[in-house]
């Protein structure tokens, strides 16, 4: 059963039987907002990019994004760049897969971001969401709907972080400005 998260809400990544999740997928989906024009409704392609920044003691040590699809240790993998969104009509347009068992012990947080590399704002996006899925069985565990509208070009979506022997997911939902994950670092750091 999926949980609809609100900003700041955290959930444990333990299964109902008490076992820890072994692999998760952070999926991102979106559609271009319809615009009214002289000749009726039209849409413009929107290219959003999902990234995962791996941290060790509040220091970035690796990143997975459309130009670096696999983390150096192989535990985090991006499925590829989607240049238009809305292809899945409610499904994932981009996804980052995390093999939690392979994440090195020194990595304590993985922060997921979304940004518009072309600089389009979230005013041009609708039905945007991120969701966490148990990759072993395809069950959606949690969903966070990204707030629509706004003059920002990015959002710090969520983080997966160590909690004792397991992991937790926290929805962040922090609007930001930036075309790349590097631009977002000043906004990410207070959430670590």
N, C-alpha and C. Protein backbone atom coordinates (compact mmCIF):
# COMPACT_ATOMS: atom_id res chain seq x y z
N UNK A 1 0.85 -1.18 0.00
CA UNK A 1 0.00 0.00 0.00
C UNK A 1 0.89 1.23 0.00
N UNK A 2 0.64 2.15 -0.92
CA UNK A 2 1.44 3.35 -1.07
C UNK A 2 1.01 4.43 -0.08
N UNK A 3 1.98 5.21 0.35
CA UNK A 3 1.73 6.34 1.25
C UNK A 3 1.90 7.62 0.45
N UNK A 4 0.94 8.53 0.52
CA UNK A 4 1.10 9.85 -0.09
C UNK A 4 1.81 10.73 0.91
N UNK A 5 3.02 11.13 0.58
CA UNK A 5 3.84 11.90 1.50
C UNK A 5 3.57 13.39 1.38
N UNK A 6 3.72 14.08 2.49
CA UNK A 6 3.71 15.54 2.49
C UNK A 6 5.12 16.01 2.77
N UNK A 7 5.39 17.26 2.46
CA UNK A 7 6.72 17.83 2.62
C UNK A 7 7.22 17.60 4.05
N UNK A 8 8.43 17.05 4.16
CA UNK A 8 9.04 16.81 5.46
C UNK A 8 8.71 15.47 6.09
N UNK A 9 7.74 14.75 5.55
CA UNK A 9 7.34 13.48 6.13
C UNK A 9 8.37 12.40 5.80
N UNK A 10 8.63 11.52 6.76
CA UNK A 10 9.59 10.43 6.58
C UNK A 10 8.90 9.10 6.82
N UNK A 11 9.36 8.07 6.09
CA UNK A 11 8.87 6.71 6.31
C UNK A 11 10.07 5.76 6.36
N UNK A 12 9.92 4.70 7.11
CA UNK A 12 10.94 3.67 7.19
C UNK A 12 10.89 2.83 5.92
N UNK A 13 12.04 2.37 5.49
CA UNK A 13 12.09 1.49 4.33
C UNK A 13 12.19 0.03 4.73
N UNK A 14 11.48 -0.32 5.79
CA UNK A 14 11.36 -1.71 6.19
C UNK A 14 10.07 -2.26 5.61
N UNK A 15 10.10 -3.52 5.22
CA UNK A 15 8.89 -4.17 4.74
C UNK A 15 7.98 -4.46 5.93
N UNK A 16 6.73 -4.75 5.66
CA UNK A 16 5.78 -5.03 6.73
C UNK A 16 6.18 -6.22 7.60
N UNK A 17 6.94 -7.16 7.01
CA UNK A 17 7.38 -8.32 7.79
C UNK A 17 8.65 -8.03 8.60
N UNK A 18 9.12 -6.77 8.57
CA UNK A 18 10.29 -6.38 9.34
C UNK A 18 11.60 -6.48 8.58
N UNK A 19 11.58 -7.10 7.41
CA UNK A 19 12.80 -7.19 6.60
C UNK A 19 13.09 -5.84 5.95
N UNK A 20 14.33 -5.60 5.65
CA UNK A 20 14.72 -4.36 4.99
C UNK A 20 14.56 -4.49 3.48
N UNK A 21 14.24 -3.40 2.84
CA UNK A 21 14.20 -3.39 1.38
C UNK A 21 15.62 -3.57 0.86
N UNK A 22 15.74 -4.21 -0.27
CA UNK A 22 17.07 -4.43 -0.84
C UNK A 22 17.34 -3.56 -2.06
N UNK A 23 16.29 -3.22 -2.80
CA UNK A 23 16.46 -2.41 -4.00
C UNK A 23 15.23 -1.55 -4.20
N UNK A 24 15.45 -0.27 -4.48
CA UNK A 24 14.34 0.65 -4.69
C UNK A 24 14.55 1.44 -5.97
N UNK A 25 13.45 1.95 -6.49
CA UNK A 25 13.47 2.82 -7.67
C UNK A 25 12.80 4.13 -7.29
N UNK A 26 13.52 5.24 -7.52
CA UNK A 26 12.91 6.55 -7.37
C UNK A 26 12.49 6.98 -8.77
N UNK A 27 11.19 6.97 -9.02
CA UNK A 27 10.67 7.32 -10.33
C UNK A 27 10.21 8.77 -10.35
N UNK A 28 10.34 9.39 -11.50
CA UNK A 28 9.93 10.77 -11.71
C UNK A 28 9.03 10.80 -12.94
N UNK A 29 7.89 11.45 -12.80
CA UNK A 29 6.99 11.60 -13.94
C UNK A 29 6.49 13.03 -14.04
N UNK A 30 6.18 13.46 -15.25
CA UNK A 30 5.67 14.82 -15.45
C UNK A 30 5.03 14.93 -16.83
N UNK A 31 4.28 15.99 -16.99
CA UNK A 31 3.70 16.33 -18.29
C UNK A 31 3.85 17.83 -18.50
N UNK A 32 3.91 18.22 -19.76
CA UNK A 32 3.92 19.64 -20.08
C UNK A 32 2.52 20.20 -19.86
N UNK A 33 2.44 21.37 -19.25
CA UNK A 33 1.15 22.01 -19.03
C UNK A 33 0.59 22.47 -20.37
N UNK A 34 -0.70 22.30 -20.52
CA UNK A 34 -1.36 22.76 -21.76
C UNK A 34 -1.46 24.28 -21.73
N UNK A 35 -1.22 24.89 -22.86
CA UNK A 35 -1.28 26.33 -23.01
C UNK A 35 -2.39 26.69 -23.98
N UNK A 36 -3.08 27.76 -23.71
CA UNK A 36 -4.10 28.24 -24.63
C UNK A 36 -3.43 29.24 -25.55
N UNK A 37 -3.65 29.05 -26.82
CA UNK A 37 -3.04 29.94 -27.80
C UNK A 37 -4.05 30.37 -28.83
N UNK A 38 -3.60 31.07 -29.79
CA UNK A 38 -4.44 31.58 -30.87
C UNK A 38 -5.17 30.45 -31.59
N UNK A 39 -4.53 29.30 -31.69
CA UNK A 39 -5.12 28.17 -32.42
C UNK A 39 -5.55 27.04 -31.50
N UNK A 40 -5.90 27.36 -30.26
CA UNK A 40 -6.37 26.35 -29.31
C UNK A 40 -5.27 25.90 -28.37
N UNK A 41 -5.53 24.77 -27.71
CA UNK A 41 -4.56 24.24 -26.74
C UNK A 41 -3.35 23.66 -27.44
N UNK A 42 -2.22 23.84 -26.81
CA UNK A 42 -0.99 23.24 -27.32
C UNK A 42 -0.08 22.96 -26.13
N UNK A 43 0.84 22.07 -26.34
CA UNK A 43 1.82 21.79 -25.29
C UNK A 43 3.21 21.98 -25.87
N UNK A 44 4.13 22.23 -24.99
CA UNK A 44 5.53 22.39 -25.34
C UNK A 44 6.29 21.27 -24.64
N UNK A 45 7.26 20.69 -25.30
CA UNK A 45 8.03 19.63 -24.67
C UNK A 45 8.81 20.19 -23.49
N UNK A 46 8.82 19.43 -22.41
CA UNK A 46 9.53 19.83 -21.20
C UNK A 46 10.56 18.75 -20.89
N UNK A 47 11.81 19.15 -20.73
CA UNK A 47 12.89 18.22 -20.41
C UNK A 47 13.30 18.43 -18.97
N UNK A 48 12.85 17.53 -18.08
CA UNK A 48 13.30 17.54 -16.70
C UNK A 48 14.34 16.44 -16.53
N UNK A 49 15.25 16.65 -15.61
CA UNK A 49 16.32 15.68 -15.39
C UNK A 49 16.36 15.27 -13.92
N UNK A 50 16.34 13.97 -13.70
CA UNK A 50 16.46 13.42 -12.35
C UNK A 50 17.94 13.16 -12.06
N UNK A 51 18.33 13.44 -10.83
CA UNK A 51 19.70 13.17 -10.38
C UNK A 51 19.66 12.59 -8.98
N UNK A 52 20.70 11.87 -8.63
CA UNK A 52 20.87 11.35 -7.27
C UNK A 52 22.28 11.71 -6.83
N UNK A 53 22.37 12.47 -5.73
CA UNK A 53 23.67 12.87 -5.20
C UNK A 53 23.94 12.04 -3.95
N UNK A 54 25.07 11.35 -3.94
CA UNK A 54 25.45 10.48 -2.83
C UNK A 54 26.35 11.25 -1.88
N UNK A 55 26.00 11.22 -0.59
CA UNK A 55 26.73 11.98 0.42
C UNK A 55 27.34 11.06 1.46
N UNK A 56 28.48 11.49 1.97
CA UNK A 56 29.14 10.86 3.11
C UNK A 56 29.47 11.97 4.09
N UNK A 57 28.86 11.93 5.26
CA UNK A 57 29.07 12.95 6.28
C UNK A 57 28.93 14.37 5.71
N UNK A 58 27.83 14.59 5.01
CA UNK A 58 27.44 15.88 4.44
C UNK A 58 28.35 16.37 3.31
N UNK A 59 29.18 15.48 2.78
CA UNK A 59 30.04 15.82 1.66
C UNK A 59 29.61 15.02 0.43
N UNK A 60 29.39 15.67 -0.72
CA UNK A 60 29.05 14.91 -1.92
C UNK A 60 30.25 14.09 -2.38
N UNK A 61 30.00 12.81 -2.66
CA UNK A 61 31.10 11.93 -3.08
C UNK A 61 30.86 11.31 -4.47
N UNK A 62 29.62 11.39 -4.96
CA UNK A 62 29.32 10.83 -6.28
C UNK A 62 27.96 11.38 -6.70
N UNK A 63 27.67 11.30 -7.98
CA UNK A 63 26.37 11.73 -8.48
C UNK A 63 26.00 10.85 -9.67
N UNK A 64 24.71 10.59 -9.78
CA UNK A 64 24.18 9.84 -10.92
C UNK A 64 23.17 10.75 -11.60
N UNK A 65 23.38 10.97 -12.91
CA UNK A 65 22.50 11.81 -13.71
C UNK A 65 22.66 11.42 -15.17
N UNK A 66 22.04 12.16 -16.08
CA UNK A 66 21.99 11.73 -17.47
C UNK A 66 23.36 11.66 -18.15
N UNK A 67 24.38 12.29 -17.58
CA UNK A 67 25.72 12.21 -18.17
C UNK A 67 26.64 11.24 -17.42
N UNK A 68 26.19 10.72 -16.30
CA UNK A 68 26.94 9.75 -15.50
C UNK A 68 25.89 8.78 -14.95
N UNK A 69 25.56 7.77 -15.73
CA UNK A 69 24.40 6.92 -15.47
C UNK A 69 24.58 5.91 -14.34
N UNK A 70 25.80 5.62 -13.94
CA UNK A 70 26.03 4.63 -12.89
C UNK A 70 27.04 5.20 -11.89
N UNK A 71 26.72 5.04 -10.60
CA UNK A 71 27.66 5.51 -9.57
C UNK A 71 28.97 4.74 -9.69
N UNK A 72 30.03 5.34 -9.19
CA UNK A 72 31.35 4.71 -9.29
C UNK A 72 31.39 3.33 -8.66
N UNK A 73 30.61 3.11 -7.61
CA UNK A 73 30.58 1.80 -6.94
C UNK A 73 29.55 0.85 -7.54
N UNK A 74 28.71 1.34 -8.47
CA UNK A 74 27.72 0.50 -9.14
C UNK A 74 26.41 0.31 -8.41
N UNK A 75 26.24 0.93 -7.25
CA UNK A 75 25.03 0.70 -6.47
C UNK A 75 23.83 1.55 -6.90
N UNK A 76 24.07 2.63 -7.62
CA UNK A 76 23.01 3.53 -8.05
C UNK A 76 23.09 3.67 -9.57
N UNK A 77 21.92 3.55 -10.23
CA UNK A 77 21.90 3.56 -11.70
C UNK A 77 20.72 4.38 -12.20
N UNK A 78 20.99 5.26 -13.16
CA UNK A 78 19.95 6.07 -13.83
C UNK A 78 19.51 5.31 -15.08
N UNK A 79 18.21 5.27 -15.35
CA UNK A 79 17.71 4.50 -16.50
C UNK A 79 17.82 5.23 -17.83
N UNK A 80 18.17 6.50 -17.81
CA UNK A 80 18.35 7.24 -19.06
C UNK A 80 17.53 8.51 -19.12
N UNK A 81 17.93 9.39 -19.99
CA UNK A 81 17.35 10.72 -20.11
C UNK A 81 16.08 10.70 -20.96
N UNK A 82 15.01 11.28 -20.44
CA UNK A 82 13.76 11.46 -21.18
C UNK A 82 13.67 12.94 -21.50
N UNK A 83 13.60 13.28 -22.75
CA UNK A 83 13.65 14.68 -23.16
C UNK A 83 12.32 15.39 -23.23
N UNK A 84 11.20 14.66 -23.07
CA UNK A 84 9.90 15.30 -23.26
C UNK A 84 8.91 15.08 -22.12
N UNK A 85 9.03 14.01 -21.34
CA UNK A 85 8.09 13.74 -20.26
C UNK A 85 6.73 13.33 -20.78
N UNK A 86 5.91 12.84 -19.88
CA UNK A 86 4.54 12.47 -20.23
C UNK A 86 4.41 11.21 -21.06
N UNK A 87 5.52 10.56 -21.36
CA UNK A 87 5.48 9.37 -22.20
C UNK A 87 4.69 8.27 -21.51
N UNK A 88 4.91 8.13 -20.19
CA UNK A 88 4.25 7.07 -19.45
C UNK A 88 2.83 7.40 -19.03
N UNK A 89 2.37 8.64 -19.24
CA UNK A 89 1.03 9.06 -18.83
C UNK A 89 0.71 8.56 -17.43
N UNK A 90 1.50 9.02 -16.48
CA UNK A 90 1.31 8.61 -15.09
C UNK A 90 2.38 7.67 -14.61
N UNK A 91 3.15 7.11 -15.54
CA UNK A 91 4.26 6.25 -15.16
C UNK A 91 5.54 7.05 -15.03
N UNK A 92 6.63 6.36 -14.80
CA UNK A 92 7.92 7.02 -14.63
C UNK A 92 8.49 7.45 -15.98
N UNK A 93 8.89 8.70 -16.07
CA UNK A 93 9.56 9.19 -17.27
C UNK A 93 11.08 9.05 -17.13
N UNK A 94 11.58 9.20 -15.93
CA UNK A 94 12.97 8.91 -15.62
C UNK A 94 12.98 8.18 -14.28
N UNK A 95 14.00 7.37 -14.06
CA UNK A 95 14.09 6.63 -12.81
C UNK A 95 15.54 6.44 -12.41
N UNK A 96 15.74 6.37 -11.10
CA UNK A 96 17.05 6.08 -10.52
C UNK A 96 16.86 4.84 -9.66
N UNK A 97 17.65 3.80 -9.95
CA UNK A 97 17.58 2.53 -9.22
C UNK A 97 18.69 2.50 -8.17
N UNK A 98 18.34 2.09 -6.96
CA UNK A 98 19.31 2.02 -5.87
C UNK A 98 19.31 0.61 -5.29
N UNK A 99 20.46 -0.05 -5.37
CA UNK A 99 20.65 -1.35 -4.74
C UNK A 99 21.16 -1.06 -3.33
N UNK A 100 20.24 -1.01 -2.37
CA UNK A 100 20.57 -0.59 -1.01
C UNK A 100 21.62 -1.48 -0.37
N UNK A 101 21.68 -2.74 -0.72
CA UNK A 101 22.66 -3.66 -0.15
C UNK A 101 24.07 -3.39 -0.66
N UNK A 102 24.18 -2.77 -1.83
CA UNK A 102 25.50 -2.49 -2.42
C UNK A 102 26.00 -1.09 -2.11
N UNK A 103 25.15 -0.22 -1.55
CA UNK A 103 25.60 1.14 -1.23
C UNK A 103 26.70 1.03 -0.18
N UNK A 104 27.88 1.58 -0.45
CA UNK A 104 28.98 1.48 0.51
C UNK A 104 28.59 2.06 1.87
N UNK A 105 29.18 1.51 2.92
CA UNK A 105 28.85 1.91 4.29
C UNK A 105 29.08 3.39 4.56
N UNK A 106 30.04 4.00 3.88
CA UNK A 106 30.33 5.43 4.13
C UNK A 106 29.28 6.36 3.52
N UNK A 107 28.46 5.87 2.59
CA UNK A 107 27.39 6.69 2.01
C UNK A 107 26.22 6.66 2.99
N UNK A 108 25.87 7.84 3.54
CA UNK A 108 24.80 7.87 4.54
C UNK A 108 23.52 8.53 4.04
N UNK A 109 23.58 9.23 2.89
CA UNK A 109 22.39 9.87 2.35
C UNK A 109 22.48 9.91 0.83
N UNK A 110 21.34 9.73 0.19
CA UNK A 110 21.23 9.89 -1.26
C UNK A 110 20.08 10.87 -1.49
N UNK A 111 20.39 12.01 -2.09
CA UNK A 111 19.40 13.05 -2.31
C UNK A 111 18.99 13.04 -3.78
N UNK A 112 17.67 13.03 -4.01
CA UNK A 112 17.12 12.99 -5.37
C UNK A 112 16.63 14.39 -5.74
N UNK A 113 17.07 14.84 -6.90
CA UNK A 113 16.68 16.17 -7.38
C UNK A 113 16.06 16.07 -8.76
N UNK A 114 15.37 17.11 -9.15
CA UNK A 114 14.87 17.25 -10.51
C UNK A 114 15.12 18.69 -10.93
N UNK A 115 15.61 18.85 -12.14
CA UNK A 115 15.86 20.20 -12.64
C UNK A 115 15.57 20.28 -14.13
N UNK A 116 15.33 21.50 -14.56
CA UNK A 116 15.10 21.78 -15.97
C UNK A 116 16.40 22.29 -16.57
N UNK A 117 17.09 21.42 -17.29
CA UNK A 117 18.38 21.79 -17.87
C UNK A 117 18.21 22.94 -18.87
N UNK A 118 17.07 22.99 -19.55
CA UNK A 118 16.83 24.04 -20.53
C UNK A 118 16.31 25.33 -19.90
N UNK A 119 16.06 25.31 -18.58
CA UNK A 119 15.67 26.53 -17.88
C UNK A 119 14.17 26.80 -17.85
N UNK A 120 13.35 25.86 -18.32
CA UNK A 120 11.90 26.04 -18.24
C UNK A 120 11.47 25.96 -16.78
N UNK A 121 10.47 26.75 -16.42
CA UNK A 121 10.03 26.77 -15.02
C UNK A 121 8.94 25.74 -14.79
N UNK A 122 8.66 25.49 -13.51
CA UNK A 122 7.61 24.54 -13.15
C UNK A 122 6.22 25.08 -13.46
N UNK A 123 6.11 26.33 -13.88
CA UNK A 123 4.82 26.84 -14.36
C UNK A 123 4.41 26.11 -15.63
N UNK A 124 5.38 25.55 -16.33
CA UNK A 124 5.13 24.86 -17.59
C UNK A 124 4.96 23.35 -17.41
N UNK A 125 4.90 22.90 -16.15
CA UNK A 125 4.82 21.47 -15.84
C UNK A 125 3.55 21.19 -15.06
N UNK A 126 2.95 20.03 -15.31
CA UNK A 126 1.81 19.59 -14.51
C UNK A 126 1.94 18.10 -14.25
N UNK A 127 1.17 17.64 -13.26
CA UNK A 127 1.15 16.22 -12.90
C UNK A 127 2.54 15.66 -12.62
N UNK A 128 3.40 16.46 -11.99
CA UNK A 128 4.74 16.00 -11.67
C UNK A 128 4.74 15.27 -10.32
N UNK A 129 5.50 14.19 -10.24
CA UNK A 129 5.56 13.42 -9.02
C UNK A 129 6.89 12.69 -8.95
N UNK A 130 7.24 12.28 -7.75
CA UNK A 130 8.29 11.29 -7.57
C UNK A 130 7.68 10.19 -6.72
N UNK A 131 8.16 8.98 -6.93
CA UNK A 131 7.62 7.85 -6.17
C UNK A 131 8.73 6.86 -5.89
N UNK A 132 8.60 6.19 -4.77
CA UNK A 132 9.56 5.16 -4.40
C UNK A 132 8.88 3.81 -4.57
N UNK A 133 9.56 2.92 -5.28
CA UNK A 133 9.02 1.61 -5.62
C UNK A 133 9.98 0.53 -5.11
N UNK A 134 9.43 -0.53 -4.52
CA UNK A 134 10.22 -1.71 -4.15
C UNK A 134 10.57 -2.40 -5.47
N UNK A 135 11.81 -2.33 -5.85
CA UNK A 135 12.24 -2.84 -7.15
C UNK A 135 12.14 -4.36 -7.24
N UNK A 136 12.06 -5.06 -6.12
CA UNK A 136 11.99 -6.53 -6.16
C UNK A 136 10.61 -7.03 -6.57
N UNK A 137 9.55 -6.23 -6.29
CA UNK A 137 8.20 -6.69 -6.63
C UNK A 137 7.35 -5.65 -7.36
N UNK A 138 7.89 -4.45 -7.61
CA UNK A 138 7.17 -3.42 -8.33
C UNK A 138 6.13 -2.68 -7.52
N UNK A 139 6.06 -2.93 -6.21
CA UNK A 139 5.05 -2.27 -5.37
C UNK A 139 5.48 -0.84 -5.04
N UNK A 140 4.57 0.10 -5.31
CA UNK A 140 4.82 1.50 -4.95
C UNK A 140 4.70 1.63 -3.44
N UNK A 141 5.73 2.21 -2.82
CA UNK A 141 5.76 2.37 -1.37
C UNK A 141 5.32 3.76 -0.95
N UNK A 142 5.74 4.77 -1.70
CA UNK A 142 5.43 6.15 -1.34
C UNK A 142 5.43 7.01 -2.58
N UNK A 143 4.63 8.07 -2.53
CA UNK A 143 4.52 9.01 -3.65
C UNK A 143 4.49 10.41 -3.08
N UNK A 144 5.20 11.29 -3.76
CA UNK A 144 5.20 12.70 -3.38
C UNK A 144 4.86 13.49 -4.63
N UNK A 145 3.77 14.24 -4.58
CA UNK A 145 3.36 15.06 -5.71
C UNK A 145 4.10 16.38 -5.64
N UNK A 146 4.82 16.69 -6.71
CA UNK A 146 5.58 17.94 -6.75
C UNK A 146 4.62 19.09 -6.98
N UNK A 147 4.76 20.12 -6.19
CA UNK A 147 3.87 21.27 -6.29
C UNK A 147 3.98 21.89 -7.68
N UNK A 148 2.85 22.16 -8.28
CA UNK A 148 2.82 22.75 -9.61
C UNK A 148 3.05 24.25 -9.56
N UNK A 149 3.37 24.80 -10.70
CA UNK A 149 3.55 26.24 -10.79
C UNK A 149 4.86 26.68 -10.17
N UNK A 150 5.06 27.95 -10.20
CA UNK A 150 6.25 28.52 -9.59
C UNK A 150 7.30 28.90 -10.60
N UNK A 151 8.06 29.91 -10.23
CA UNK A 151 9.11 30.43 -11.10
C UNK A 151 10.43 29.69 -10.93
N UNK A 152 10.43 28.59 -10.22
CA UNK A 152 11.67 27.86 -10.01
C UNK A 152 11.90 26.85 -11.13
N UNK A 153 13.14 26.42 -11.28
CA UNK A 153 13.52 25.50 -12.35
C UNK A 153 13.98 24.15 -11.83
N UNK A 154 13.87 23.96 -10.51
CA UNK A 154 14.34 22.70 -9.93
C UNK A 154 13.60 22.43 -8.63
N UNK A 155 13.76 21.20 -8.15
CA UNK A 155 13.20 20.84 -6.87
C UNK A 155 14.06 19.75 -6.24
N UNK A 156 14.32 19.91 -4.95
CA UNK A 156 14.98 18.87 -4.18
C UNK A 156 13.84 17.96 -3.74
N UNK A 157 13.73 16.79 -4.34
CA UNK A 157 12.54 15.96 -4.17
C UNK A 157 12.51 15.22 -2.84
N UNK A 158 13.52 14.41 -2.60
CA UNK A 158 13.49 13.51 -1.45
C UNK A 158 14.89 13.03 -1.16
N UNK A 159 15.05 12.40 -0.01
CA UNK A 159 16.32 11.76 0.29
C UNK A 159 16.07 10.40 0.93
N UNK A 160 16.97 9.48 0.65
CA UNK A 160 17.01 8.18 1.31
C UNK A 160 18.23 8.25 2.21
N UNK A 161 18.04 7.96 3.50
CA UNK A 161 19.15 8.10 4.44
C UNK A 161 19.16 6.94 5.43
N UNK A 162 20.35 6.65 5.91
CA UNK A 162 20.52 5.55 6.85
C UNK A 162 19.85 5.88 8.17
N UNK A 163 19.21 4.86 8.75
CA UNK A 163 18.57 4.97 10.07
C UNK A 163 18.85 3.67 10.79
N UNK A 164 19.88 3.67 11.63
CA UNK A 164 20.30 2.43 12.29
C UNK A 164 20.83 1.45 11.26
N UNK A 165 20.28 0.25 11.24
CA UNK A 165 20.70 -0.77 10.29
C UNK A 165 19.93 -0.68 8.97
N UNK A 166 18.90 0.17 8.91
CA UNK A 166 18.08 0.27 7.71
C UNK A 166 18.15 1.63 7.06
N UNK A 167 17.12 1.95 6.29
CA UNK A 167 17.04 3.20 5.55
C UNK A 167 15.69 3.85 5.79
N UNK A 168 15.62 5.17 5.63
CA UNK A 168 14.38 5.93 5.66
C UNK A 168 14.30 6.79 4.41
N UNK A 169 13.08 7.14 4.03
CA UNK A 169 12.83 8.09 2.95
C UNK A 169 12.19 9.32 3.57
N UNK A 170 12.70 10.49 3.21
CA UNK A 170 12.10 11.75 3.65
C UNK A 170 11.76 12.58 2.42
N UNK A 171 10.51 13.02 2.33
CA UNK A 171 10.08 13.91 1.25
C UNK A 171 10.57 15.31 1.59
N UNK A 172 11.27 15.95 0.67
CA UNK A 172 11.80 17.29 0.91
C UNK A 172 10.98 18.37 0.20
N UNK A 173 10.73 18.21 -1.08
CA UNK A 173 9.88 19.14 -1.82
C UNK A 173 10.32 20.58 -1.74
N UNK A 174 11.60 20.82 -1.84
CA UNK A 174 12.15 22.18 -1.72
C UNK A 174 12.37 22.78 -3.10
N UNK A 175 11.61 23.84 -3.45
CA UNK A 175 11.83 24.49 -4.74
C UNK A 175 13.22 25.13 -4.79
N UNK A 176 13.79 25.18 -5.97
CA UNK A 176 15.13 25.74 -6.12
C UNK A 176 15.28 26.32 -7.53
N UNK A 177 16.38 26.99 -7.71
CA UNK A 177 16.74 27.49 -9.04
C UNK A 177 18.04 26.84 -9.45
N UNK A 178 18.08 26.38 -10.67
CA UNK A 178 19.30 25.77 -11.17
C UNK A 178 19.03 24.85 -12.33
N UNK A 179 20.02 24.75 -13.21
CA UNK A 179 19.89 23.90 -14.38
C UNK A 179 20.57 22.55 -14.19
N UNK A 180 21.43 22.43 -13.17
CA UNK A 180 22.15 21.19 -12.93
C UNK A 180 22.15 20.89 -11.44
N UNK A 181 22.55 19.67 -11.09
CA UNK A 181 22.62 19.31 -9.67
C UNK A 181 23.67 20.17 -8.96
N UNK A 182 24.73 20.59 -9.66
CA UNK A 182 25.73 21.45 -9.03
C UNK A 182 25.12 22.77 -8.58
N UNK A 183 24.23 23.32 -9.40
CA UNK A 183 23.56 24.57 -9.04
C UNK A 183 22.70 24.42 -7.79
N UNK A 184 22.27 23.20 -7.51
CA UNK A 184 21.34 22.95 -6.41
C UNK A 184 22.03 22.68 -5.07
N UNK A 185 23.33 22.54 -5.06
CA UNK A 185 24.03 22.17 -3.83
C UNK A 185 23.74 23.13 -2.66
N UNK A 186 23.68 24.46 -2.84
CA UNK A 186 23.38 25.32 -1.71
C UNK A 186 21.99 25.07 -1.11
N UNK A 187 21.07 24.60 -1.93
CA UNK A 187 19.73 24.29 -1.44
C UNK A 187 19.67 22.91 -0.79
N UNK A 188 20.48 21.98 -1.28
CA UNK A 188 20.51 20.62 -0.73
C UNK A 188 21.12 20.60 0.67
N UNK A 189 22.22 21.27 0.86
CA UNK A 189 23.02 21.15 2.09
C UNK A 189 22.23 21.35 3.38
N UNK A 190 21.30 22.31 3.48
CA UNK A 190 20.55 22.44 4.75
C UNK A 190 19.65 21.23 5.06
N UNK A 191 19.40 20.36 4.10
CA UNK A 191 18.52 19.20 4.30
C UNK A 191 19.28 17.94 4.70
N UNK A 192 20.58 18.05 4.86
CA UNK A 192 21.38 16.87 5.19
C UNK A 192 21.42 16.64 6.70
